[in-house]
Amino acid sequence: MAINITAADFKKEVIESDIPVLVDFWAEWCAPCKMVAPVLEELSNAYSGKLKVVKVNVDEEPDLAGNYGVVSIPTILLFKNGEVVKQHIGAAPLSVFEQLVQSYI
């Protein structure tokens, strides 16, 4: 299950995670973000224990989004060992996200 995080818990949940983390930068008003949300939930459930999926609301955490160069949403970043290893911008089907994470889990 994807969890909502803030700048306060980003380091603990993402940077210090011992498994890869998919970070979904999104906003409530973003239609493509709403389209991708159930796909990321499915991914989270399929790879439970191997992959963590978290969500960052860019309206509530603009500095955090800025730190990672997020200018379009949804922007999905894959972190491994505290570093961004992959990026995807926009909504996509499950197969695209599975390919994104496959070699890192």
N, C-alpha and C. Protein backbone atom coordinates (compact mmCIF):
# COMPACT_ATOMS: atom_id res chain seq x y z
N MET A 1 0.84 -1.19 0.00
CA MET A 1 0.00 0.00 0.00
C MET A 1 0.88 1.25 0.00
N ALA A 2 0.57 2.18 -0.86
CA ALA A 2 1.32 3.44 -0.92
C ALA A 2 1.00 4.29 0.31
N ILE A 3 2.03 4.93 0.84
CA ILE A 3 1.82 5.80 1.99
C ILE A 3 2.18 7.23 1.63
N ASN A 4 1.47 8.18 2.22
CA ASN A 4 1.77 9.60 2.02
C ASN A 4 2.88 9.99 2.97
N ILE A 5 3.89 10.69 2.42
CA ILE A 5 4.99 11.13 3.27
C ILE A 5 5.22 12.62 3.07
N THR A 6 5.96 13.20 4.00
CA THR A 6 6.30 14.62 3.96
C THR A 6 7.82 14.76 4.01
N ALA A 7 8.28 15.98 3.92
CA ALA A 7 9.72 16.23 4.03
C ALA A 7 10.27 15.71 5.36
N ALA A 8 9.44 15.75 6.40
CA ALA A 8 9.88 15.33 7.72
C ALA A 8 10.24 13.85 7.78
N ASP A 9 9.53 13.01 7.01
CA ASP A 9 9.84 11.58 7.06
C ASP A 9 10.46 11.04 5.76
N PHE A 10 10.79 11.94 4.83
CA PHE A 10 11.35 11.52 3.54
C PHE A 10 12.68 10.79 3.73
N LYS A 11 13.54 11.32 4.58
CA LYS A 11 14.86 10.69 4.79
C LYS A 11 14.69 9.26 5.32
N LYS A 12 13.86 9.11 6.34
CA LYS A 12 13.67 7.79 6.95
C LYS A 12 12.99 6.82 5.98
N GLU A 13 11.93 7.27 5.31
CA GLU A 13 11.14 6.38 4.46
C GLU A 13 11.79 6.09 3.10
N VAL A 14 12.55 7.04 2.57
CA VAL A 14 13.09 6.90 1.21
C VAL A 14 14.60 6.73 1.21
N ILE A 15 15.31 7.72 1.70
CA ILE A 15 16.77 7.73 1.62
C ILE A 15 17.38 6.57 2.41
N GLU A 16 16.85 6.29 3.60
CA GLU A 16 17.42 5.25 4.45
C GLU A 16 16.75 3.89 4.28
N SER A 17 15.86 3.75 3.31
CA SER A 17 15.15 2.48 3.12
C SER A 17 16.11 1.38 2.66
N ASP A 18 15.90 0.17 3.18
CA ASP A 18 16.74 -0.95 2.76
C ASP A 18 16.20 -1.67 1.53
N ILE A 19 15.05 -1.23 1.04
CA ILE A 19 14.52 -1.75 -0.22
C ILE A 19 14.27 -0.57 -1.16
N PRO A 20 14.20 -0.81 -2.47
CA PRO A 20 13.92 0.29 -3.40
C PRO A 20 12.59 0.97 -3.08
N VAL A 21 12.53 2.27 -3.37
CA VAL A 21 11.33 3.07 -3.07
C VAL A 21 10.91 3.81 -4.34
N LEU A 22 9.65 3.64 -4.70
CA LEU A 22 9.06 4.38 -5.81
C LEU A 22 8.32 5.56 -5.20
N VAL A 23 8.73 6.78 -5.57
CA VAL A 23 8.13 7.99 -5.02
C VAL A 23 7.27 8.64 -6.09
N ASP A 24 5.99 8.79 -5.79
CA ASP A 24 5.03 9.41 -6.69
C ASP A 24 4.81 10.85 -6.25
N PHE A 25 5.32 11.80 -7.04
CA PHE A 25 5.06 13.22 -6.78
C PHE A 25 3.76 13.57 -7.49
N TRP A 26 2.75 14.00 -6.74
CA TRP A 26 1.40 14.16 -7.27
C TRP A 26 0.72 15.37 -6.63
N ALA A 27 -0.50 15.67 -7.10
CA ALA A 27 -1.35 16.71 -6.50
C ALA A 27 -2.81 16.29 -6.65
N GLU A 28 -3.62 16.79 -5.74
CA GLU A 28 -5.05 16.45 -5.70
C GLU A 28 -5.77 16.84 -7.00
N TRP A 29 -5.41 17.95 -7.60
CA TRP A 29 -6.08 18.48 -8.79
C TRP A 29 -5.60 17.85 -10.10
N CYS A 30 -4.62 16.97 -10.05
CA CYS A 30 -3.97 16.42 -11.24
C CYS A 30 -4.69 15.16 -11.73
N ALA A 31 -5.36 15.25 -12.89
CA ALA A 31 -6.10 14.10 -13.44
C ALA A 31 -5.19 12.91 -13.76
N PRO A 32 -4.03 13.10 -14.42
CA PRO A 32 -3.16 11.95 -14.67
C PRO A 32 -2.66 11.30 -13.37
N CYS A 33 -2.50 12.12 -12.31
CA CYS A 33 -2.09 11.57 -11.01
C CYS A 33 -3.15 10.61 -10.48
N LYS A 34 -4.42 10.99 -10.66
CA LYS A 34 -5.51 10.13 -10.20
C LYS A 34 -5.58 8.86 -11.02
N MET A 35 -5.21 8.95 -12.30
CA MET A 35 -5.20 7.76 -13.16
C MET A 35 -4.10 6.78 -12.76
N VAL A 36 -2.96 7.30 -12.35
CA VAL A 36 -1.82 6.44 -12.04
C VAL A 36 -1.88 5.87 -10.61
N ALA A 37 -2.64 6.50 -9.74
CA ALA A 37 -2.71 6.06 -8.33
C ALA A 37 -3.09 4.59 -8.17
N PRO A 38 -4.17 4.09 -8.82
CA PRO A 38 -4.50 2.68 -8.64
C PRO A 38 -3.46 1.74 -9.26
N VAL A 39 -2.78 2.19 -10.29
CA VAL A 39 -1.72 1.39 -10.91
C VAL A 39 -0.56 1.22 -9.92
N LEU A 40 -0.20 2.31 -9.24
CA LEU A 40 0.89 2.24 -8.27
C LEU A 40 0.48 1.43 -7.04
N GLU A 41 -0.80 1.47 -6.67
CA GLU A 41 -1.28 0.62 -5.58
C GLU A 41 -1.12 -0.85 -5.95
N GLU A 42 -1.48 -1.17 -7.19
CA GLU A 42 -1.35 -2.55 -7.66
C GLU A 42 0.11 -2.99 -7.65
N LEU A 43 0.99 -2.10 -8.08
CA LEU A 43 2.42 -2.38 -8.08
C LEU A 43 2.92 -2.60 -6.65
N SER A 44 2.47 -1.74 -5.74
CA SER A 44 2.85 -1.86 -4.34
C SER A 44 2.43 -3.20 -3.76
N ASN A 45 1.22 -3.63 -4.08
CA ASN A 45 0.73 -4.91 -3.57
C ASN A 45 1.47 -6.09 -4.21
N ALA A 46 1.76 -5.99 -5.51
CA ALA A 46 2.43 -7.08 -6.22
C ALA A 46 3.86 -7.29 -5.72
N TYR A 47 4.52 -6.22 -5.31
CA TYR A 47 5.93 -6.31 -4.90
C TYR A 47 6.11 -6.02 -3.41
N SER A 48 5.10 -6.32 -2.64
CA SER A 48 5.14 -6.09 -1.20
C SER A 48 6.36 -6.77 -0.59
N GLY A 49 7.11 -6.02 0.21
CA GLY A 49 8.31 -6.55 0.85
C GLY A 49 9.56 -6.38 0.00
N LYS A 50 9.40 -6.13 -1.30
CA LYS A 50 10.54 -5.94 -2.20
C LYS A 50 10.64 -4.51 -2.69
N LEU A 51 9.52 -3.78 -2.62
CA LEU A 51 9.44 -2.41 -3.13
C LEU A 51 8.49 -1.62 -2.24
N LYS A 52 8.90 -0.40 -1.90
CA LYS A 52 8.03 0.49 -1.13
C LYS A 52 7.51 1.56 -2.09
N VAL A 53 6.23 1.87 -2.02
CA VAL A 53 5.65 2.94 -2.83
C VAL A 53 5.14 4.02 -1.89
N VAL A 54 5.63 5.26 -2.12
CA VAL A 54 5.21 6.38 -1.30
C VAL A 54 4.75 7.52 -2.19
N LYS A 55 3.94 8.42 -1.62
CA LYS A 55 3.38 9.55 -2.36
C LYS A 55 3.77 10.85 -1.67
N VAL A 56 4.16 11.83 -2.49
CA VAL A 56 4.49 13.16 -1.98
C VAL A 56 3.58 14.16 -2.70
N ASN A 57 2.76 14.87 -1.93
CA ASN A 57 1.87 15.89 -2.48
C ASN A 57 2.69 17.15 -2.74
N VAL A 58 2.84 17.53 -4.02
CA VAL A 58 3.69 18.66 -4.37
C VAL A 58 3.14 20.00 -3.87
N ASP A 59 1.83 20.09 -3.68
CA ASP A 59 1.25 21.32 -3.14
C ASP A 59 1.61 21.51 -1.67
N GLU A 60 1.76 20.41 -0.95
CA GLU A 60 2.10 20.46 0.47
C GLU A 60 3.60 20.45 0.70
N GLU A 61 4.36 19.93 -0.27
CA GLU A 61 5.82 19.79 -0.12
C GLU A 61 6.55 20.35 -1.35
N PRO A 62 6.35 21.65 -1.66
CA PRO A 62 6.98 22.21 -2.86
C PRO A 62 8.51 22.20 -2.82
N ASP A 63 9.10 22.36 -1.66
CA ASP A 63 10.56 22.35 -1.56
C ASP A 63 11.13 20.97 -1.87
N LEU A 64 10.46 19.95 -1.37
CA LEU A 64 10.89 18.58 -1.62
C LEU A 64 10.81 18.26 -3.12
N ALA A 65 9.71 18.67 -3.75
CA ALA A 65 9.57 18.47 -5.19
C ALA A 65 10.66 19.23 -5.94
N GLY A 66 10.93 20.45 -5.50
CA GLY A 66 11.97 21.26 -6.14
C GLY A 66 13.35 20.66 -6.01
N ASN A 67 13.62 20.05 -4.86
CA ASN A 67 14.93 19.42 -4.64
C ASN A 67 15.22 18.33 -5.67
N TYR A 68 14.16 17.70 -6.19
CA TYR A 68 14.33 16.61 -7.15
C TYR A 68 13.94 17.03 -8.57
N GLY A 69 13.82 18.34 -8.79
CA GLY A 69 13.58 18.86 -10.13
C GLY A 69 12.23 18.51 -10.71
N VAL A 70 11.24 18.30 -9.85
CA VAL A 70 9.91 17.94 -10.32
C VAL A 70 9.22 19.20 -10.86
N VAL A 71 8.94 19.19 -12.18
CA VAL A 71 8.25 20.32 -12.80
C VAL A 71 6.93 19.89 -13.43
N SER A 72 6.78 18.60 -13.72
CA SER A 72 5.53 18.05 -14.24
C SER A 72 5.10 16.92 -13.33
N ILE A 73 3.78 16.77 -13.19
CA ILE A 73 3.29 15.66 -12.37
C ILE A 73 2.27 14.86 -13.16
N PRO A 74 2.14 13.59 -12.88
CA PRO A 74 2.93 12.85 -11.90
C PRO A 74 4.37 12.62 -12.37
N THR A 75 5.29 12.80 -11.46
CA THR A 75 6.67 12.38 -11.66
C THR A 75 6.93 11.25 -10.68
N ILE A 76 7.40 10.14 -11.21
CA ILE A 76 7.68 8.98 -10.38
C ILE A 76 9.19 8.75 -10.40
N LEU A 77 9.79 8.77 -9.21
CA LEU A 77 11.23 8.54 -9.08
C LEU A 77 11.45 7.23 -8.35
N LEU A 78 12.40 6.45 -8.84
CA LEU A 78 12.78 5.21 -8.17
C LEU A 78 14.10 5.44 -7.46
N PHE A 79 14.09 5.24 -6.14
CA PHE A 79 15.29 5.38 -5.33
C PHE A 79 15.81 4.00 -4.94
N LYS A 80 17.12 3.84 -5.00
CA LYS A 80 17.76 2.64 -4.47
C LYS A 80 19.02 3.11 -3.74
N ASN A 81 19.19 2.65 -2.52
CA ASN A 81 20.32 3.07 -1.68
C ASN A 81 20.41 4.59 -1.56
N GLY A 82 19.25 5.25 -1.46
CA GLY A 82 19.21 6.68 -1.24
C GLY A 82 19.41 7.54 -2.48
N GLU A 83 19.59 6.92 -3.64
CA GLU A 83 19.85 7.66 -4.88
C GLU A 83 18.74 7.42 -5.89
N VAL A 84 18.44 8.44 -6.71
CA VAL A 84 17.48 8.28 -7.80
C VAL A 84 18.15 7.45 -8.89
N VAL A 85 17.53 6.33 -9.25
CA VAL A 85 18.09 5.46 -10.29
C VAL A 85 17.24 5.46 -11.56
N LYS A 86 15.98 5.82 -11.45
CA LYS A 86 15.08 5.87 -12.62
C LYS A 86 14.05 6.96 -12.41
N GLN A 87 13.51 7.45 -13.53
CA GLN A 87 12.46 8.47 -13.47
C GLN A 87 11.45 8.21 -14.57
N HIS A 88 10.18 8.47 -14.25
CA HIS A 88 9.12 8.40 -15.25
C HIS A 88 8.18 9.58 -15.01
N ILE A 89 7.79 10.26 -16.10
CA ILE A 89 6.87 11.38 -15.98
C ILE A 89 5.59 11.03 -16.73
N GLY A 90 4.46 11.19 -16.06
CA GLY A 90 3.16 10.95 -16.67
C GLY A 90 2.55 9.62 -16.26
N ALA A 91 1.28 9.48 -16.61
CA ALA A 91 0.55 8.24 -16.32
C ALA A 91 1.01 7.17 -17.30
N ALA A 92 0.93 5.92 -16.87
CA ALA A 92 1.32 4.79 -17.71
C ALA A 92 0.67 3.53 -17.17
N PRO A 93 0.59 2.48 -17.99
CA PRO A 93 0.04 1.22 -17.51
C PRO A 93 1.01 0.50 -16.57
N LEU A 94 0.49 -0.48 -15.87
CA LEU A 94 1.27 -1.25 -14.91
C LEU A 94 2.56 -1.80 -15.52
N SER A 95 2.48 -2.29 -16.75
CA SER A 95 3.66 -2.92 -17.39
C SER A 95 4.84 -1.96 -17.47
N VAL A 96 4.58 -0.68 -17.68
CA VAL A 96 5.66 0.31 -17.76
C VAL A 96 6.36 0.44 -16.42
N PHE A 97 5.59 0.48 -15.34
CA PHE A 97 6.19 0.61 -14.01
C PHE A 97 6.88 -0.69 -13.58
N GLU A 98 6.36 -1.81 -14.00
CA GLU A 98 7.04 -3.08 -13.71
C GLU A 98 8.41 -3.11 -14.39
N GLN A 99 8.48 -2.66 -15.62
CA GLN A 99 9.78 -2.59 -16.31
C GLN A 99 10.72 -1.62 -15.62
N LEU A 100 10.17 -0.52 -15.13
CA LEU A 100 10.97 0.50 -14.45
C LEU A 100 11.69 -0.08 -13.22
N VAL A 101 10.97 -0.90 -12.46
CA VAL A 101 11.53 -1.38 -11.19
C VAL A 101 12.20 -2.75 -11.30
N GLN A 102 11.95 -3.48 -12.36
CA GLN A 102 12.34 -4.89 -12.47
C GLN A 102 13.81 -5.16 -12.12
N SER A 103 14.73 -4.39 -12.67
CA SER A 103 16.14 -4.69 -12.44
C SER A 103 16.66 -4.19 -11.09
N TYR A 104 15.80 -3.57 -10.30
CA TYR A 104 16.24 -3.02 -9.01
C TYR A 104 15.68 -3.75 -7.81
N ILE A 105 14.78 -4.72 -8.07
CA ILE A 105 14.19 -5.43 -6.91
C ILE A 105 14.66 -6.87 -6.86
